[in-house]
Amino acid sequence: MMNFELARQEFPIMKEKAFLDAACVSVAPERAVKAVKKFAEYSATCPEESSSAHHVAMDMMRQKALDEVIKLTKASSEEIALVESTTHGLNIAATSIKLPPGSKVLISDLEFLQVPIPWSMQKDSGIEIQLIKNRDGRVLVEDFEKSIDDRVKMIVISSVQWCNGWLVDLKALGELCKKKGIYLIVDAIHQVGAVNMDLSQVHVDILTAGGHKWLNSPYGCGFLYVNKEIVKQLKPVFWGYLNLGEPEGGWPAYFGTPSITPVRDWNFVETAKKFEIGGTSNYAGAIALGESLSLFNELGIENIEKHNVGLADYLIEGLKEIGATLITRPEPGHRSALVVFRFYNDIKEENELLKELHRNNVYVAMRFTSNVGGIRVSCHFFNNRSDIDALIAQLKKAYNKKKPDFKA
């Protein structure tokens, strides 16, 4: 049976580094690396009975990623598609949902810059972004509710804020949006894989997450969720033949039919799949994502959340002991796997501390938005207390040179 110490063995980097930065870009497990190597060998040999069969076989290799995403998020099969990244998914949301001129989109002032960009670029179409101010790092549903008027048609939000780890009450926000008849678009890249995301229990219209952070997959493949209640109403920007219903007998037989013509009535699928490009895609990325997610599902996302939040608690206690200032607010119902803290008031000194941590093989990051943020630590399932101890040991060395002087 898979457990966390066995899972850790799939990440050889952990023998050399205290890698605590999955929120920036994570590392892939050995099973994903092996699967990509196997795919590369397969691509070089064409072992099927024909090139056409080879093509079909590669198309099918993406299916495991879809199946594992569905299992992880508890979405239905018609609601999940594969996309290149969170950026790709957000742009699909922005271009497929046609907001009327004069519409307002509500966005938190703590968001990563990519979140508002697809709607910012619709300014010429009369779309206005309204920033909702955080309250001491808290992103609260009630503050969004107070800002809703007749012009507000959409809320776009990260379910976990990248600069301080605040977990938004997505269930309450979804209920609010449904009640008010406005769209809810979610960037879930810092939640999915780190803490539980049960899409059967929340109302979301579109949600997306890239695979290269908490899902431990290489760049270039993530997923898109489109609520089945709206999928038929929306039109994709891209149209590709692989999003058509497969013809009787399959594509190789169809292509060998003399009477086919290039223009006819097309039967596109009416599921989230229609938002994929519809041509050949990042097969290697999808294969890696599927293999990586199989590890998550073997461990169980509820177990992963307990492990990750437990490590975060252990870190928080260590930070308190050495006088660091906690930026993350560990409030019930708002816990994620991120812990953010400040050490020195002078940001140059803080950056030097970050570099010193890196020089000593402790990998963390520094992130800010709207003056909220600091040194960010990602607690993931391949981490254990020894990684936290390594970080605290380096901070104690810094303490001995100069005591922490940051005051919130």
Protein backbone atom coordinates (compact mmCIF):
# COMPACT_ATOMS: atom_id res chain seq x y z
CA MET A 1 0.00 0.00 0.00
CA MET A 2 1.32 3.44 -0.94
CA ASN A 3 2.33 5.72 1.93
CA PHE A 4 4.10 9.06 2.12
CA GLU A 5 7.60 7.70 2.69
CA LEU A 6 7.23 5.35 -0.30
CA ALA A 7 5.90 8.25 -2.36
CA ARG A 8 8.91 10.36 -1.34
CA GLN A 9 11.19 7.72 -2.83
CA GLU A 10 9.77 8.56 -6.27
CA PHE A 11 11.43 11.98 -5.99
CA PRO A 12 15.22 11.46 -5.94
CA ILE A 13 15.77 15.22 -5.58
CA MET A 14 14.64 14.91 -1.96
CA LYS A 15 17.91 13.09 -1.14
CA GLU A 16 19.82 16.26 -2.10
CA LYS A 17 17.54 19.21 -1.40
CA ALA A 18 14.85 20.39 0.95
CA PHE A 19 12.58 21.13 -1.99
CA LEU A 20 9.76 23.26 -0.58
CA ASP A 21 8.66 25.12 -3.70
CA ALA A 22 5.97 23.12 -5.49
CA ALA A 23 3.98 26.36 -5.77
CA CYS A 24 6.60 27.71 -8.20
CA VAL A 25 7.33 24.67 -10.31
CA SER A 26 7.35 21.19 -8.88
CA VAL A 27 9.32 18.05 -9.65
CA ALA A 28 8.00 14.96 -11.40
CA PRO A 29 7.89 11.49 -9.82
CA GLU A 30 9.94 8.70 -11.33
CA ARG A 31 6.83 6.99 -12.71
CA ALA A 32 6.08 10.06 -14.84
CA VAL A 33 9.67 10.30 -16.06
CA LYS A 34 9.69 6.63 -17.03
CA ALA A 35 6.37 6.97 -18.86
CA VAL A 36 7.65 9.91 -20.92
CA LYS A 37 10.82 8.01 -21.82
CA LYS A 38 8.70 5.05 -22.88
CA PHE A 39 6.54 7.34 -25.02
CA ALA A 40 9.65 8.79 -26.69
CA GLU A 41 10.82 5.26 -27.56
CA TYR A 42 7.34 4.40 -28.82
CA SER A 43 7.36 7.50 -31.04
CA ALA A 44 10.65 6.42 -32.56
CA THR A 45 9.60 2.87 -33.45
CA CYS A 46 5.95 3.00 -34.69
CA PRO A 47 5.16 -0.49 -33.32
CA GLU A 48 1.52 -0.56 -34.45
CA GLU A 49 0.26 -2.30 -37.59
CA SER A 50 0.17 0.98 -39.52
CA SER A 51 0.92 4.67 -39.14
CA SER A 52 -2.80 5.38 -38.86
CA ALA A 53 -3.11 2.88 -36.01
CA HIS A 54 -0.04 4.49 -34.43
CA HIS A 55 -1.77 7.89 -34.56
CA VAL A 56 -4.96 6.53 -32.96
CA ALA A 57 -2.96 4.77 -30.24
CA MET A 58 -1.20 8.03 -29.34
CA ASP A 59 -4.54 9.85 -29.18
CA MET A 60 -5.73 7.24 -26.67
CA MET A 61 -2.67 7.74 -24.46
CA ARG A 62 -4.18 10.99 -23.18
CA GLN A 63 -7.12 9.17 -21.60
CA LYS A 64 -5.36 8.21 -18.37
CA ALA A 65 -4.80 11.88 -17.52
CA LEU A 66 -8.52 12.59 -17.97
CA ASP A 67 -9.50 9.58 -15.86
CA GLU A 68 -7.12 10.55 -13.04
CA VAL A 69 -8.30 14.19 -13.03
CA ILE A 70 -11.90 13.00 -12.76
CA LYS A 71 -11.01 10.74 -9.86
CA LEU A 72 -9.04 13.47 -8.07
CA THR A 73 -11.64 16.22 -8.44
CA LYS A 74 -14.85 14.12 -8.43
CA ALA A 75 -16.04 15.88 -11.58
CA SER A 76 -18.04 14.03 -14.23
CA SER A 77 -16.37 12.83 -17.42
CA GLU A 78 -18.23 15.30 -19.67
CA GLU A 79 -16.93 18.23 -17.61
CA ILE A 80 -13.16 17.67 -17.98
CA ALA A 81 -10.79 18.52 -20.83
CA LEU A 82 -7.01 18.77 -21.13
CA VAL A 83 -5.44 22.17 -21.77
CA GLU A 84 -1.93 23.52 -21.99
CA SER A 85 -1.92 25.54 -18.76
CA THR A 86 -3.94 27.67 -16.37
CA THR A 87 -3.36 30.58 -18.74
CA HIS A 88 -4.88 28.54 -21.56
CA GLY A 89 -7.89 27.65 -19.41
CA LEU A 90 -8.49 31.24 -18.28
CA ASN A 91 -8.38 32.43 -21.88
CA ILE A 92 -10.93 29.79 -22.86
CA ALA A 93 -13.22 31.14 -20.13
CA ALA A 94 -12.70 34.75 -21.22
CA THR A 95 -13.31 34.11 -24.91
CA SER A 96 -16.12 31.55 -24.75
CA ILE A 97 -18.29 33.51 -22.31
CA LYS A 98 -19.40 36.61 -24.19
CA LEU A 99 -20.10 39.35 -21.67
CA PRO A 100 -22.22 42.30 -22.83
CA PRO A 101 -20.56 45.75 -23.14
CA GLY A 102 -20.56 47.56 -19.80
CA SER A 103 -20.13 44.36 -17.78
CA LYS A 104 -17.98 44.32 -14.66
CA VAL A 105 -15.73 41.47 -13.57
CA LEU A 106 -14.81 41.24 -9.88
CA ILE A 107 -11.26 40.15 -9.03
CA SER A 108 -9.33 40.14 -5.74
CA ASP A 109 -6.42 42.56 -5.38
CA LEU A 110 -4.20 39.64 -4.29
CA GLU A 111 -4.38 37.78 -7.59
CA PHE A 112 -1.48 36.60 -9.70
CA LEU A 113 -1.17 38.94 -12.68
CA GLN A 114 -2.32 36.36 -15.25
CA VAL A 115 -5.75 36.04 -13.67
CA PRO A 116 -7.12 39.43 -14.81
CA ILE A 117 -5.21 39.69 -18.12
CA PRO A 118 -7.77 37.93 -20.42
CA TRP A 119 -10.49 40.30 -19.20
CA SER A 120 -8.24 43.37 -19.03
CA MET A 121 -7.66 42.94 -22.75
CA GLN A 122 -11.42 43.29 -23.34
CA LYS A 123 -11.45 46.90 -22.18
CA ASP A 124 -12.17 48.06 -25.73
CA SER A 125 -15.30 45.87 -25.65
CA GLY A 126 -16.55 47.72 -22.60
CA ILE A 127 -15.50 45.15 -20.00
CA GLU A 128 -14.41 46.69 -16.69
CA ILE A 129 -12.42 45.00 -13.93
CA GLN A 130 -13.18 45.95 -10.34
CA LEU A 131 -10.63 44.99 -7.72
CA ILE A 132 -11.95 43.77 -4.37
CA LYS A 133 -9.56 44.75 -1.60
CA ASN A 134 -8.29 42.11 0.78
CA ARG A 135 -8.71 42.56 4.50
CA ASP A 136 -5.32 41.96 6.12
CA GLY A 137 -4.70 39.14 3.67
CA ARG A 138 -8.21 37.74 3.85
CA VAL A 139 -10.26 37.38 0.66
CA LEU A 140 -13.83 37.30 1.94
CA VAL A 141 -17.04 36.33 0.15
CA GLU A 142 -18.95 39.11 1.91
CA ASP A 143 -16.71 41.74 0.31
CA PHE A 144 -17.53 40.39 -3.14
CA GLU A 145 -21.22 40.31 -2.28
CA LYS A 146 -21.18 44.00 -1.25
CA SER A 147 -19.75 44.92 -4.67
CA ILE A 148 -22.32 43.08 -6.80
CA ASP A 149 -24.62 45.34 -8.77
CA ASP A 150 -26.53 45.00 -12.05
CA ARG A 151 -23.34 45.40 -14.09
CA VAL A 152 -21.42 42.58 -12.39
CA LYS A 153 -21.58 39.49 -14.59
CA MET A 154 -18.61 37.45 -13.41
CA ILE A 155 -16.22 36.76 -10.52
CA VAL A 156 -12.75 35.46 -11.38
CA ILE A 157 -10.74 34.17 -8.44
CA SER A 158 -7.90 31.92 -7.34
CA SER A 159 -9.18 29.41 -4.83
CA VAL A 160 -5.84 29.74 -2.99
CA GLN A 161 -4.05 33.07 -3.08
CA TRP A 162 -0.49 32.66 -4.34
CA CYS A 163 1.08 35.34 -2.13
CA ASN A 164 -0.17 34.23 1.29
CA GLY A 165 -1.93 30.85 0.96
CA TRP A 166 -5.44 32.06 1.85
CA LEU A 167 -8.03 29.43 0.89
CA VAL A 168 -11.22 31.08 -0.36
CA ASP A 169 -14.59 29.77 0.83
CA LEU A 170 -15.43 28.48 -2.63
CA LYS A 171 -18.64 26.77 -1.56
CA ALA A 172 -20.09 30.04 -0.20
CA LEU A 173 -18.83 32.01 -3.19
CA GLY A 174 -20.35 29.50 -5.61
CA GLU A 175 -23.69 29.69 -3.83
CA LEU A 176 -23.56 33.49 -4.02
CA CYS A 177 -22.81 33.45 -7.76
CA LYS A 178 -25.57 30.96 -8.47
CA LYS A 179 -28.04 33.03 -6.46
CA LYS A 180 -27.06 36.24 -8.27
CA GLY A 181 -26.89 34.63 -11.72
CA ILE A 182 -23.24 35.53 -12.37
CA TYR A 183 -20.41 33.39 -13.66
CA LEU A 184 -17.71 32.02 -11.33
CA ILE A 185 -14.33 31.33 -12.94
CA VAL A 186 -11.65 29.71 -10.75
CA ASP A 187 -7.89 29.41 -11.02
CA ALA A 188 -7.28 26.33 -8.86
CA ILE A 189 -3.59 25.79 -9.50
CA HIS A 190 -2.66 26.25 -5.82
CA GLN A 191 -5.44 24.03 -4.50
CA VAL A 192 -5.81 20.99 -6.73
CA GLY A 193 -3.34 18.37 -5.54
CA ALA A 194 -2.38 20.30 -2.40
CA VAL A 195 -5.68 20.21 -0.52
CA ASN A 196 -9.00 18.64 -1.40
CA MET A 197 -11.02 20.04 -4.30
CA ASP A 198 -14.36 18.23 -4.58
CA LEU A 199 -16.15 19.64 -7.62
CA SER A 200 -19.25 17.62 -6.84
CA GLN A 201 -19.78 19.76 -3.74
CA VAL A 202 -19.27 23.30 -5.07
CA HIS A 203 -20.87 25.39 -7.80
CA VAL A 204 -18.26 26.61 -10.29
CA ASP A 205 -18.81 27.48 -13.95
CA ILE A 206 -15.25 27.08 -15.21
CA LEU A 207 -12.17 25.97 -13.27
CA THR A 208 -8.66 25.36 -14.51
CA ALA A 209 -5.26 24.27 -13.23
CA GLY A 210 -1.91 23.68 -14.86
CA GLY A 211 0.01 20.52 -14.01
CA HIS A 212 3.48 21.90 -13.35
CA LYS A 213 2.98 23.03 -9.75
CA TRP A 214 1.16 20.96 -7.12
CA LEU A 215 0.31 18.20 -9.63
CA ASN A 216 4.02 17.39 -10.08
CA SER A 217 3.90 17.19 -13.85
CA PRO A 218 6.15 18.78 -16.48
CA TYR A 219 5.16 22.00 -18.23
CA GLY A 220 2.50 22.08 -20.91
CA CYS A 221 -0.47 20.06 -19.67
CA GLY A 222 -3.24 20.81 -17.20
CA PHE A 223 -6.99 20.51 -17.11
CA LEU A 224 -10.17 22.49 -17.62
CA TYR A 225 -13.49 21.94 -15.87
CA VAL A 226 -16.65 23.27 -17.53
CA ASN A 227 -19.89 22.86 -15.60
CA LYS A 228 -22.22 20.57 -17.57
CA GLU A 229 -25.04 23.06 -16.98
CA ILE A 230 -23.39 25.62 -19.27
CA VAL A 231 -21.19 23.60 -21.62
CA LYS A 232 -23.75 23.52 -24.44
CA GLN A 233 -24.29 27.29 -24.23
CA LEU A 234 -20.65 28.13 -24.88
CA LYS A 235 -18.74 28.14 -28.15
CA PRO A 236 -15.04 27.41 -28.31
CA VAL A 237 -12.60 29.70 -30.07
CA PHE A 238 -10.76 26.81 -31.72
CA TRP A 239 -12.36 24.11 -33.83
CA GLY A 240 -10.50 20.86 -34.51
CA TYR A 241 -11.59 17.64 -36.14
CA LEU A 242 -10.57 15.51 -33.14
CA ASN A 243 -13.42 17.16 -31.25
CA LEU A 244 -15.93 15.69 -33.68
CA GLY A 245 -17.83 12.55 -32.83
CA GLU A 246 -15.74 9.69 -34.18
CA PRO A 247 -17.13 8.38 -37.48
CA GLU A 248 -18.41 4.82 -37.72
CA GLY A 249 -15.48 2.49 -38.16
CA GLY A 250 -12.98 5.06 -36.85
CA TRP A 251 -10.90 7.75 -38.50
CA PRO A 252 -8.56 5.52 -40.57
CA ALA A 253 -11.57 3.90 -42.27
CA TYR A 254 -13.21 7.29 -42.79
CA PHE A 255 -10.10 8.76 -44.43
CA GLY A 256 -10.05 5.82 -46.81
CA THR A 257 -13.64 6.45 -48.01
CA PRO A 258 -13.68 7.87 -51.59
CA SER A 259 -16.89 9.87 -51.20
CA ILE A 260 -15.89 12.07 -48.26
CA THR A 261 -15.78 15.84 -48.82
CA PRO A 262 -13.99 18.58 -46.87
CA VAL A 263 -17.17 20.54 -46.12
CA ARG A 264 -20.30 19.09 -44.57
CA ASP A 265 -22.35 19.34 -41.39
CA TRP A 266 -20.08 18.58 -38.47
CA ASN A 267 -21.11 16.75 -35.33
CA PHE A 268 -18.95 18.30 -32.60
CA VAL A 269 -19.09 16.81 -29.12
CA GLU A 270 -21.08 18.79 -26.54
CA THR A 271 -18.77 18.18 -23.59
CA ALA A 272 -15.80 20.05 -22.15
CA LYS A 273 -13.66 18.28 -24.76
CA LYS A 274 -14.91 20.74 -27.39
CA PHE A 275 -12.68 23.39 -25.76
CA GLU A 276 -9.51 21.44 -26.53
CA ILE A 277 -7.60 22.48 -29.65
CA GLY A 278 -8.94 19.45 -31.46
CA GLY A 279 -5.71 18.54 -33.22
CA THR A 280 -2.62 16.64 -32.15
CA SER A 281 -1.64 17.81 -28.69
CA ASN A 282 0.98 17.48 -25.96
CA TYR A 283 0.84 13.70 -25.67
CA ALA A 284 4.02 13.48 -23.58
CA GLY A 285 2.67 16.07 -21.15
CA ALA A 286 -0.66 14.27 -20.84
CA ILE A 287 1.09 10.95 -20.23
CA ALA A 288 3.24 12.52 -17.50
CA LEU A 289 0.20 14.17 -15.92
CA GLY A 290 -1.72 10.90 -15.87
CA GLU A 291 1.13 9.01 -14.24
CA SER A 292 1.77 11.72 -11.67
CA LEU A 293 -1.92 11.94 -10.75
CA SER A 294 -2.06 8.18 -10.26
CA LEU A 295 0.26 8.71 -7.30
CA PHE A 296 -2.10 11.32 -5.83
CA ASN A 297 -5.04 8.98 -6.18
CA GLU A 298 -3.15 6.09 -4.62
CA LEU A 299 -2.37 8.25 -1.58
CA GLY A 300 -5.84 9.82 -1.48
CA ILE A 301 -6.34 13.57 -1.61
CA GLU A 302 -7.91 13.67 1.87
CA ASN A 303 -4.74 12.02 3.25
CA ILE A 304 -2.56 14.41 1.26
CA GLU A 305 -4.39 17.42 2.69
CA LYS A 306 -3.96 16.13 6.24
CA HIS A 307 -0.26 15.52 5.62
CA ASN A 308 0.36 18.89 3.97
CA VAL A 309 -1.53 20.96 6.53
CA GLY A 310 0.18 18.98 9.30
CA LEU A 311 3.58 19.92 7.88
CA ALA A 312 2.42 23.54 7.62
CA ASP A 313 1.47 23.48 11.30
CA TYR A 314 4.88 22.06 12.19
CA LEU A 315 6.56 24.83 10.21
CA ILE A 316 4.41 27.54 11.79
CA GLU A 317 5.46 26.42 15.27
CA GLY A 318 9.13 26.53 14.24
CA LEU A 319 8.73 30.01 12.77
CA LYS A 320 7.10 31.29 15.94
CA GLU A 321 9.96 29.95 18.06
CA ILE A 322 12.56 31.97 16.17
CA GLY A 323 10.51 35.17 15.98
CA ALA A 324 9.55 35.17 12.30
CA THR A 325 6.33 37.03 11.42
CA LEU A 326 3.60 34.84 9.97
CA ILE A 327 1.86 36.38 6.93
CA THR A 328 -0.31 33.33 6.31
CA ARG A 329 -3.48 33.36 8.41
CA PRO A 330 -4.05 29.79 9.64
CA GLU A 331 -7.77 30.21 10.22
CA PRO A 332 -10.17 27.25 10.20
CA GLY A 333 -11.72 26.75 6.79
CA HIS A 334 -9.02 28.79 5.07
CA ARG A 335 -5.99 26.49 5.33
CA SER A 336 -3.89 25.58 2.31
CA ALA A 337 -0.49 23.94 1.95
CA LEU A 338 1.30 27.30 1.69
CA VAL A 339 3.01 29.11 4.56
CA VAL A 340 4.30 32.65 4.02
CA PHE A 341 6.42 34.58 6.50
CA ARG A 342 8.64 37.64 6.83
CA PHE A 343 11.99 37.80 8.62
CA TYR A 344 13.65 41.16 7.93
CA ASN A 345 12.05 44.52 7.39
CA ASP A 346 14.59 45.48 4.71
CA ILE A 347 13.52 43.68 1.53
CA LYS A 348 17.14 43.56 0.34
CA GLU A 349 18.07 41.64 3.48
CA GLU A 350 15.10 39.36 2.94
CA ASN A 351 16.30 38.62 -0.60
CA GLU A 352 19.79 37.89 0.67
CA LEU A 353 18.26 35.45 3.15
CA LEU A 354 16.42 33.78 0.27
CA LYS A 355 19.66 33.42 -1.69
CA GLU A 356 21.38 31.96 1.38
CA LEU A 357 18.63 29.38 1.72
CA HIS A 358 19.08 28.40 -1.93
CA ARG A 359 22.85 28.14 -1.50
CA ASN A 360 22.20 25.64 1.28
CA ASN A 361 19.81 23.55 -0.82
CA VAL A 362 16.62 24.81 0.79
CA TYR A 363 14.28 25.73 -2.05
CA VAL A 364 11.56 28.26 -1.25
CA ALA A 365 10.36 31.43 -3.01
CA MET A 366 9.42 35.04 -2.37
CA ARG A 367 6.11 36.37 -3.65
CA PHE A 368 4.11 39.59 -3.15
CA THR A 369 0.93 41.21 -4.42
CA SER A 370 -0.56 44.48 -3.11
CA ASN A 371 2.05 44.54 -0.33
CA VAL A 372 0.97 41.13 0.95
CA GLY A 373 3.50 38.31 0.87
CA GLY A 374 6.98 37.25 1.85
CA ILE A 375 9.03 34.07 1.84
CA ARG A 376 6.70 31.34 0.62
CA VAL A 377 7.03 27.69 1.65
CA SER A 378 5.15 24.88 -0.09
CA CYS A 379 4.41 21.81 2.03
CA HIS A 380 3.70 18.88 -0.28
CA PHE A 381 3.24 15.15 0.10
CA PHE A 382 6.84 14.35 -0.88
CA ASN A 383 8.06 16.56 1.98
CA ASN A 384 8.51 15.46 5.57
CA ARG A 385 9.65 17.08 8.82
CA SER A 386 13.31 16.77 7.88
CA ASP A 387 12.75 19.33 5.10
CA ILE A 388 11.11 21.74 7.54
CA ASP A 389 13.94 21.14 10.02
CA ALA A 390 16.48 22.02 7.31
CA LEU A 391 14.69 25.32 6.65
CA ILE A 392 14.42 26.19 10.34
CA ALA A 393 18.10 25.34 10.86
CA GLN A 394 19.10 27.85 8.18
CA LEU A 395 16.78 30.49 9.64
CA LYS A 396 18.40 29.95 13.04
CA LYS A 397 21.80 30.64 11.45
CA ALA A 398 20.37 33.86 10.03
CA TYR A 399 18.94 34.67 13.48
CA ASN A 400 22.39 34.33 15.03
CA LYS A 401 23.73 36.91 12.56
CA LYS A 402 20.80 39.29 12.93
CA LYS A 403 17.55 38.83 14.79
CA PRO A 404 14.30 39.13 12.81
CA ASP A 405 13.07 42.72 12.80
CA PHE A 406 10.00 42.66 10.56
CA LYS A 407 6.85 43.98 12.18
CA ALA A 408 3.48 43.59 10.48
